[in-house]
PDB file of N, CA and C in Angstrom:
ATOM      1  N   MET A   1     -27.375 -65.238 -26.790  1.00  0.00           N
ATOM      2  CA  MET A   1     -26.368 -64.464 -26.445  1.00  0.00           C
ATOM      3  C   MET A   1     -26.082 -64.441 -24.771  1.00  0.00           C
ATOM      4  N   TYR A   2     -27.145 -64.335 -24.014  1.00  0.00           N
ATOM      5  CA  TYR A   2     -26.670 -64.090 -22.752  1.00  0.00           C
ATOM      6  C   TYR A   2     -26.153 -65.329 -22.054  1.00  0.00           C
ATOM      7  N   ARG A   3     -26.464 -66.650 -22.714  1.00  0.00           N
ATOM      8  CA  ARG A   3     -25.884 -67.847 -22.251  1.00  0.00           C
ATOM      9  C   ARG A   3     -24.474 -67.769 -22.402  1.00  0.00           C
ATOM     10  N   THR A   4     -23.802 -67.148 -23.258  1.00  0.00           N
ATOM     11  CA  THR A   4     -22.436 -67.087 -23.411  1.00  0.00           C
ATOM     12  C   THR A   4     -21.769 -66.486 -22.303  1.00  0.00           C
ATOM     13  N   TYR A   5     -22.601 -65.510 -21.703  1.00  0.00           N
ATOM     14  CA  TYR A   5     -22.032 -64.697 -20.701  1.00  0.00           C
ATOM     15  C   TYR A   5     -22.099 -65.302 -19.338  1.00  0.00           C
ATOM     16  N   LEU A   6     -23.203 -66.144 -19.262  1.00  0.00           N
ATOM     17  CA  LEU A   6     -23.355 -67.005 -18.031  1.00  0.00           C
ATOM     18  C   LEU A   6     -22.393 -68.150 -18.107  1.00  0.00           C
ATOM     19  N   LYS A   7     -22.155 -68.655 -19.009  1.00  0.00           N
ATOM     20  CA  LYS A   7     -21.173 -69.810 -19.240  1.00  0.00           C
ATOM     21  C   LYS A   7     -19.676 -69.280 -18.937  1.00  0.00           C
ATOM     22  N   ARG A   8     -19.158 -68.078 -19.234  1.00  0.00           N
ATOM     23  CA  ARG A   8     -18.035 -67.366 -18.642  1.00  0.00           C
ATOM     24  C   ARG A   8     -18.206 -67.349 -17.346  1.00  0.00           C
ATOM     25  N   VAL A   9     -19.182 -66.921 -16.550  1.00  0.00           N
ATOM     26  CA  VAL A   9     -19.337 -66.751 -15.210  1.00  0.00           C
ATOM     27  C   VAL A   9     -19.064 -68.149 -14.547  1.00  0.00           C
ATOM     28  N   ASN A  10     -19.750 -69.001 -15.060  1.00  0.00           N
ATOM     29  CA  ASN A  10     -19.752 -70.492 -14.541  1.00  0.00           C
ATOM     30  C   ASN A  10     -18.230 -71.245 -14.606  1.00  0.00           C
ATOM     31  N   ALA A  11     -17.685 -70.864 -15.841  1.00  0.00           N
ATOM     32  CA  ALA A  11     -16.345 -71.323 -16.023  1.00  0.00           C
ATOM     33  C   ALA A  11     -15.441 -70.856 -14.865  1.00  0.00           C
ATOM     34  N   ALA A  12     -15.528 -69.545 -14.914  1.00  0.00           N
ATOM     35  CA  ALA A  12     -14.680 -69.056 -13.732  1.00  0.00           C
ATOM     36  C   ALA A  12     -14.820 -69.487 -12.285  1.00  0.00           C
ATOM     37  N   LEU A  13     -16.148 -69.662 -12.012  1.00  0.00           N
ATOM     38  CA  LEU A  13     -16.495 -70.093 -10.886  1.00  0.00           C
ATOM     39  C   LEU A  13     -16.089 -71.828 -10.660  1.00  0.00           C
ATOM     40  N   ALA A  14     -16.038 -72.386 -11.680  1.00  0.00           N
ATOM     41  CA  ALA A  14     -15.642 -73.813 -11.694  1.00  0.00           C
ATOM     42  C   ALA A  14     -14.101 -74.033 -11.462  1.00  0.00           C
ATOM     43  N   ALA A  15     -13.469 -72.956 -12.177  1.00  0.00           N
ATOM     44  CA  ALA A  15     -11.846 -72.812 -11.829  1.00  0.00           C
ATOM     45  C   ALA A  15     -11.666 -72.117 -10.489  1.00  0.00           C
ATOM     46  N   GLY A  16     -12.579 -71.506  -9.877  1.00  0.00           N
ATOM     47  CA  GLY A  16     -12.258 -71.207  -8.370  1.00  0.00           C
ATOM     48  C   GLY A  16     -11.659 -69.766  -8.357  1.00  0.00           C
ATOM     49  N   ASP A  17     -11.687 -68.982  -9.454  1.00  0.00           N
ATOM     50  CA  ASP A  17     -11.111 -67.673  -9.635  1.00  0.00           C
ATOM     51  C   ASP A  17     -12.111 -66.707  -9.163  1.00  0.00           C
ATOM     52  N   LYS A  18     -12.201 -66.183  -8.033  1.00  0.00           N
ATOM     53  CA  LYS A  18     -13.321 -65.202  -7.699  1.00  0.00           C
ATOM     54  C   LYS A  18     -13.156 -63.983  -8.500  1.00  0.00           C
ATOM     55  N   GLU A  19     -11.997 -63.366  -8.720  1.00  0.00           N
ATOM     56  CA  GLU A  19     -11.921 -62.125  -9.515  1.00  0.00           C
ATOM     57  C   GLU A  19     -12.324 -62.317 -10.910  1.00  0.00           C
ATOM     58  N   ALA A  20     -12.074 -63.249 -11.558  1.00  0.00           N
ATOM     59  CA  ALA A  20     -12.522 -63.672 -12.888  1.00  0.00           C
ATOM     60  C   ALA A  20     -14.094 -63.586 -13.064  1.00  0.00           C
ATOM     61  N   ALA A  21     -14.648 -64.428 -11.795  1.00  0.00           N
ATOM     62  CA  ALA A  21     -15.886 -64.755 -11.929  1.00  0.00           C
ATOM     63  C   ALA A  21     -16.599 -63.321 -11.555  1.00  0.00           C
ATOM     64  N   ALA A  22     -16.038 -62.394 -10.777  1.00  0.00           N
ATOM     65  CA  ALA A  22     -16.685 -61.196 -10.541  1.00  0.00           C
ATOM     66  C   ALA A  22     -16.757 -60.258 -11.740  1.00  0.00           C
ATOM     67  N   ALA A  23     -15.730 -60.282 -12.529  1.00  0.00           N
ATOM     68  CA  ALA A  23     -15.430 -59.498 -13.663  1.00  0.00           C
ATOM     69  C   ALA A  23     -16.388 -59.845 -14.588  1.00  0.00           C
ATOM     70  N   ALA A  24     -16.457 -61.437 -14.782  1.00  0.00           N
ATOM     71  CA  ALA A  24     -17.552 -61.788 -15.983  1.00  0.00           C
ATOM     72  C   ALA A  24     -19.041 -61.577 -15.585  1.00  0.00           C
ATOM     73  N   PHE A  25     -19.168 -61.549 -14.277  1.00  0.00           N
ATOM     74  CA  PHE A  25     -20.634 -61.260 -13.640  1.00  0.00           C
ATOM     75  C   PHE A  25     -20.964 -59.809 -14.042  1.00  0.00           C
ATOM     76  N   GLU A  26     -19.942 -59.000 -13.786  1.00  0.00           N
ATOM     77  CA  GLU A  26     -20.111 -57.414 -13.889  1.00  0.00           C
ATOM     78  C   GLU A  26     -20.634 -57.218 -15.363  1.00  0.00           C
ATOM     79  N   THR A  27     -19.920 -57.998 -16.301  1.00  0.00           N
ATOM     80  CA  THR A  27     -20.335 -57.810 -17.824  1.00  0.00           C
ATOM     81  C   THR A  27     -21.548 -58.657 -18.166  1.00  0.00           C
ATOM     82  N   ALA A  28     -21.801 -59.556 -17.406  1.00  0.00           N
ATOM     83  CA  ALA A  28     -23.251 -60.236 -17.695  1.00  0.00           C
ATOM     84  C   ALA A  28     -24.455 -59.587 -17.282  1.00  0.00           C
ATOM     85  N   VAL A  29     -24.344 -58.801 -16.234  1.00  0.00           N
ATOM     86  CA  VAL A  29     -25.350 -58.080 -15.527  1.00  0.00           C
ATOM     87  C   VAL A  29     -26.177 -57.204 -16.620  1.00  0.00           C
ATOM     88  N   PRO A  30     -25.442 -56.251 -17.197  1.00  0.00           N
ATOM     89  CA  PRO A  30     -25.916 -55.330 -18.132  1.00  0.00           C
ATOM     90  C   PRO A  30     -26.689 -55.991 -19.326  1.00  0.00           C
ATOM     91  N   VAL A  31     -26.132 -57.263 -19.727  1.00  0.00           N
ATOM     92  CA  VAL A  31     -26.699 -57.842 -20.982  1.00  0.00           C
ATOM     93  C   VAL A  31     -27.981 -58.558 -20.580  1.00  0.00           C
ATOM     94  N   LEU A  32     -28.074 -59.153 -19.159  1.00  0.00           N
ATOM     95  CA  LEU A  32     -29.437 -59.626 -18.898  1.00  0.00           C
ATOM     96  C   LEU A  32     -30.285 -58.276 -18.721  1.00  0.00           C
ATOM     97  N   ASP A  33     -30.041 -57.292 -18.105  1.00  0.00           N
ATOM     98  CA  ASP A  33     -30.937 -56.105 -17.891  1.00  0.00           C
ATOM     99  C   ASP A  33     -31.460 -55.582 -19.335  1.00  0.00           C
ATOM    100  N   LYS A  34     -30.553 -55.683 -20.448  1.00  0.00           N
ATOM    101  CA  LYS A  34     -31.072 -55.131 -21.728  1.00  0.00           C
ATOM    102  C   LYS A  34     -32.020 -56.149 -22.194  1.00  0.00           C
ATOM    103  N   LEU A  35     -31.739 -57.396 -22.035  1.00  0.00           N
ATOM    104  CA  LEU A  35     -32.709 -58.333 -22.480  1.00  0.00           C
ATOM    105  C   LEU A  35     -34.084 -58.222 -22.064  1.00  0.00           C
ATOM    106  N   VAL A  36     -33.891 -58.019 -20.680  1.00  0.00           N
ATOM    107  CA  VAL A  36     -35.224 -57.625 -19.932  1.00  0.00           C
ATOM    108  C   VAL A  36     -36.022 -56.596 -20.515  1.00  0.00           C
ATOM    109  N   GLY A  37     -35.407 -55.564 -20.608  1.00  0.00           N
ATOM    110  CA  GLY A  37     -35.815 -54.200 -21.346  1.00  0.00           C
ATOM    111  C   GLY A  37     -36.384 -54.363 -22.611  1.00  0.00           C
ATOM    112  N   ARG A  38     -35.821 -55.288 -23.367  1.00  0.00           N
ATOM    113  CA  ARG A  38     -36.365 -55.493 -24.807  1.00  0.00           C
ATOM    114  C   ARG A  38     -37.551 -56.565 -24.838  1.00  0.00           C
ATOM    115  N   GLY A  39     -37.706 -57.259 -23.725  1.00  0.00           N
ATOM    116  CA  GLY A  39     -38.914 -58.236 -23.568  1.00  0.00           C
ATOM    117  C   GLY A  39     -38.532 -59.660 -23.829  1.00  0.00           C
ATOM    118  N   ILE A  40     -37.269 -59.898 -24.122  1.00  0.00           N
ATOM    119  CA  ILE A  40     -36.761 -61.168 -24.351  1.00  0.00           C
ATOM    120  C   ILE A  40     -36.680 -62.156 -23.282  1.00  0.00           C
ATOM    121  N   LEU A  41     -36.335 -61.665 -22.244  1.00  0.00           N
ATOM    122  CA  LEU A  41     -35.985 -62.567 -21.215  1.00  0.00           C
ATOM    123  C   LEU A  41     -37.017 -61.976 -20.005  1.00  0.00           C
ATOM    124  N   HIS A  42     -37.639 -62.809 -19.296  1.00  0.00           N
ATOM    125  CA  HIS A  42     -38.581 -62.411 -18.151  1.00  0.00           C
ATOM    126  C   HIS A  42     -37.627 -61.869 -17.294  1.00  0.00           C
ATOM    127  N   ARG A  43     -38.286 -60.919 -16.280  1.00  0.00           N
ATOM    128  CA  ARG A  43     -37.428 -60.171 -15.428  1.00  0.00           C
ATOM    129  C   ARG A  43     -37.065 -61.075 -14.229  1.00  0.00           C
ATOM    130  N   ASN A  44     -37.973 -61.847 -13.903  1.00  0.00           N
ATOM    131  CA  ASN A  44     -37.774 -62.889 -12.887  1.00  0.00           C
ATOM    132  C   ASN A  44     -36.783 -63.932 -12.945  1.00  0.00           C
ATOM    133  N   LYS A  45     -36.667 -64.332 -14.311  1.00  0.00           N
ATOM    134  CA  LYS A  45     -35.693 -65.414 -14.716  1.00  0.00           C
ATOM    135  C   LYS A  45     -34.340 -64.488 -14.568  1.00  0.00           C
ATOM    136  N   ALA A  46     -34.224 -63.285 -15.128  1.00  0.00           N
ATOM    137  CA  ALA A  46     -32.846 -62.645 -15.008  1.00  0.00           C
ATOM    138  C   ALA A  46     -32.551 -62.545 -13.649  1.00  0.00           C
ATOM    139  N   ALA A  47     -33.367 -62.007 -12.897  1.00  0.00           N
ATOM    140  CA  ALA A  47     -33.171 -61.817 -11.406  1.00  0.00           C
ATOM    141  C   ALA A  47     -32.581 -62.938 -10.775  1.00  0.00           C
ATOM    142  N   ARG A  48     -33.206 -64.099 -11.065  1.00  0.00           N
ATOM    143  CA  ARG A  48     -32.892 -65.365 -10.592  1.00  0.00           C
ATOM    144  C   ARG A  48     -31.492 -65.838 -10.863  1.00  0.00           C
ATOM    145  N   HIS A  49     -31.035 -65.673 -12.249  1.00  0.00           N
ATOM    146  CA  HIS A  49     -29.657 -65.898 -12.682  1.00  0.00           C
ATOM    147  C   HIS A  49     -28.674 -64.994 -11.967  1.00  0.00           C
ATOM    148  N   LYS A  50     -28.938 -63.813 -11.798  1.00  0.00           N
ATOM    149  CA  LYS A  50     -28.204 -62.800 -11.107  1.00  0.00           C
ATOM    150  C   LYS A  50     -28.067 -63.021  -9.661  1.00  0.00           C
ATOM    151  N   SER A  51     -29.173 -63.686  -8.885  1.00  0.00           N
ATOM    152  CA  SER A  51     -29.023 -63.837  -7.497  1.00  0.00           C
ATOM    153  C   SER A  51     -28.208 -65.082  -7.145  1.00  0.00           C
ATOM    154  N   ARG A  52     -28.431 -66.146  -8.040  1.00  0.00           N
ATOM    155  CA  ARG A  52     -27.667 -67.228  -7.916  1.00  0.00           C
ATOM    156  C   ARG A  52     -26.231 -67.224  -8.133  1.00  0.00           C
ATOM    157  N   LEU A  53     -25.927 -66.412  -9.201  1.00  0.00           N
ATOM    158  CA  LEU A  53     -24.523 -66.335  -9.540  1.00  0.00           C
ATOM    159  C   LEU A  53     -23.910 -65.493  -8.486  1.00  0.00           C
ATOM    160  N   HIS A  54     -24.416 -64.314  -8.085  1.00  0.00           N
ATOM    161  CA  HIS A  54     -23.923 -63.501  -6.983  1.00  0.00           C
ATOM    162  C   HIS A  54     -23.547 -64.345  -5.768  1.00  0.00           C
ATOM    163  N   ALA A  55     -24.542 -65.220  -5.310  1.00  0.00           N
ATOM    164  CA  ALA A  55     -24.320 -66.061  -4.271  1.00  0.00           C
ATOM    165  C   ALA A  55     -23.268 -66.945  -4.374  1.00  0.00           C
ATOM    166  N   GLN A  56     -23.083 -67.611  -5.577  1.00  0.00           N
ATOM    167  CA  GLN A  56     -22.050 -68.492  -5.793  1.00  0.00           C
ATOM    168  C   GLN A  56     -20.512 -67.731  -5.655  1.00  0.00           C
ATOM    169  N   ILE A  57     -20.573 -66.580  -6.342  1.00  0.00           N
ATOM    170  CA  ILE A  57     -19.352 -65.839  -6.160  1.00  0.00           C
ATOM    171  C   ILE A  57     -18.970 -65.389  -4.796  1.00  0.00           C
ATOM    172  N   GLN A  58     -19.948 -65.046  -4.039  1.00  0.00           N
ATOM    173  CA  GLN A  58     -19.612 -64.609  -2.708  1.00  0.00           C
ATOM    174  C   GLN A  58     -19.127 -66.096  -1.736  1.00  0.00           C
ATOM    175  N   ALA A  59     -19.754 -67.011  -2.126  1.00  0.00           N
ATOM    176  CA  ALA A  59     -19.345 -68.347  -1.523  1.00  0.00           C
ATOM    177  C   ALA A  59     -17.905 -68.727  -1.615  1.00  0.00           C
ATOM    178  N   LEU A  60     -17.182 -68.127  -2.862  1.00  0.00           N
ATOM    179  CA  LEU A  60     -15.837 -68.541  -3.143  1.00  0.00           C
ATOM    180  C   LEU A  60     -14.961 -67.842  -2.089  1.00  0.00           C
ATOM    181  N   GLY A  61     -15.346 -66.628  -1.625  1.00  0.00           N
ATOM    182  CA  GLY A  61     -14.530 -65.994  -0.621  1.00  0.00           C
ATOM    183  C   GLY A  61     -14.023 -66.636   0.524  1.00  0.00           C
TER     184      GLY A  61
END
């Protein structure tokens, strides 16, 4: 399920749309955190995804 949200962020990044990427990122972060809380996703992996996506969004500016 979280891969769908990550794909939405990546698609917005590929299109070069910073606002859409930021909005998709804001919806993806709680999903990643929820999966970490349930023990489905390791916390370091979620942190790595969030960090890399955030850096790519900031680089669009």
